[in-house]
Amino acid sequence: MRFFGLEEKIRYKRGKEWTAIQEQKDAWNKTKLQLLIKSKTTDIGEIINPYKGD
């Protein structure tokens, strides 16, 4: 399973800091992932209730 493309992202990173982790097989399985989700709910009005007769 490829989780958010982590395996590919790690494989193609450049720089000496990434060399050690790229040599490890399945290093992406040991990767900790933190997600930040920002969302907004907008109230666009009243829902029509068929039981009220409106």
C-alpha atoms as a PDB file:
ATOM      1  CA  MET A   1       0.000   0.000   0.000  1.00  0.00           C
ATOM      2  CA  ARG A   2       1.357   3.383  -0.911  1.00  0.00           C
ATOM      3  CA  PHE A   3       0.259   5.885   1.667  1.00  0.00           C
ATOM      4  CA  PHE A   4      -0.080   9.417   0.228  1.00  0.00           C
ATOM      5  CA  GLY A   5       2.795   8.678  -2.173  1.00  0.00           C
ATOM      6  CA  LEU A   6       5.337   8.744   0.674  1.00  0.00           C
ATOM      7  CA  GLU A   7       7.481   6.038  -0.865  1.00  0.00           C
ATOM      8  CA  GLU A   8       7.916   8.000  -4.087  1.00  0.00           C
ATOM      9  CA  LYS A   9       8.429  11.312  -2.312  1.00  0.00           C
ATOM     10  CA  ILE A  10      11.199   9.877  -0.133  1.00  0.00           C
ATOM     11  CA  ARG A  11      12.839   8.104  -3.079  1.00  0.00           C
ATOM     12  CA  TYR A  12      13.148  11.262  -5.179  1.00  0.00           C
ATOM     13  CA  LYS A  13      14.256  13.720  -2.476  1.00  0.00           C
ATOM     14  CA  ARG A  14      17.662  15.261  -3.068  1.00  0.00           C
ATOM     15  CA  GLY A  15      20.357  16.087  -0.558  1.00  0.00           C
ATOM     16  CA  LYS A  16      22.745  14.273   1.700  1.00  0.00           C
ATOM     17  CA  GLU A  17      20.206  14.254   4.546  1.00  0.00           C
ATOM     18  CA  TRP A  18      17.981  11.905   2.550  1.00  0.00           C
ATOM     19  CA  THR A  19      20.679   9.398   1.509  1.00  0.00           C
ATOM     20  CA  ALA A  20      20.544   7.300   4.702  1.00  0.00           C
ATOM     21  CA  ILE A  21      16.777   6.895   4.701  1.00  0.00           C
ATOM     22  CA  GLN A  22      16.671   6.176   0.953  1.00  0.00           C
ATOM     23  CA  GLU A  23      18.986   3.211   1.478  1.00  0.00           C
ATOM     24  CA  GLN A  24      16.595   1.645   3.993  1.00  0.00           C
ATOM     25  CA  LYS A  25      14.064  -0.740   2.528  1.00  0.00           C
ATOM     26  CA  ASP A  26      10.476   0.216   3.368  1.00  0.00           C
ATOM     27  CA  ALA A  27      11.590   3.339   5.225  1.00  0.00           C
ATOM     28  CA  TRP A  28       8.259   4.939   4.355  1.00  0.00           C
ATOM     29  CA  ASN A  29       6.540   2.384   6.611  1.00  0.00           C
ATOM     30  CA  LYS A  30       8.423   3.825   9.573  1.00  0.00           C
ATOM     31  CA  THR A  31       7.551   7.409   8.667  1.00  0.00           C
ATOM     32  CA  LYS A  32       5.321   9.365  11.019  1.00  0.00           C
ATOM     33  CA  LEU A  33       2.735  11.472   9.258  1.00  0.00           C
ATOM     34  CA  GLN A  34       1.022  14.459  10.813  1.00  0.00           C
ATOM     35  CA  LEU A  35      -2.016  15.925   9.117  1.00  0.00           C
ATOM     36  CA  LEU A  36      -3.434  19.368   9.644  1.00  0.00           C
ATOM     37  CA  ILE A  37      -6.949  19.762   8.345  1.00  0.00           C
ATOM     38  CA  LYS A  38      -8.539  23.176   8.075  1.00  0.00           C
ATOM     39  CA  SER A  39     -12.188  23.306   7.156  1.00  0.00           C
ATOM     40  CA  LYS A  40     -15.047  25.763   7.222  1.00  0.00           C
ATOM     41  CA  THR A  41     -18.752  25.062   7.430  1.00  0.00           C
ATOM     42  CA  THR A  42     -21.036  27.636   5.888  1.00  0.00           C
ATOM     43  CA  ASP A  43     -24.723  27.787   6.743  1.00  0.00           C
ATOM     44  CA  ILE A  44     -26.532  28.580   3.528  1.00  0.00           C
ATOM     45  CA  GLY A  45     -30.066  28.602   4.848  1.00  0.00           C
ATOM     46  CA  GLU A  46     -32.839  26.511   6.261  1.00  0.00           C
ATOM     47  CA  ILE A  47     -33.556  22.992   5.080  1.00  0.00           C
ATOM     48  CA  ILE A  48     -37.097  22.502   3.836  1.00  0.00           C
ATOM     49  CA  ASN A  49     -38.977  20.212   6.170  1.00  0.00           C
ATOM     50  CA  PRO A  50     -41.722  18.288   4.343  1.00  0.00           C
ATOM     51  CA  TYR A  51     -43.426  17.488   7.666  1.00  0.00           C
ATOM     52  CA  LYS A  52     -43.984  21.162   8.558  1.00  0.00           C
ATOM     53  CA  GLY A  53     -45.933  21.891   5.408  1.00  0.00           C
ATOM     54  CA  ASP A  54     -43.682  24.815   4.409  1.00  0.00           C
END
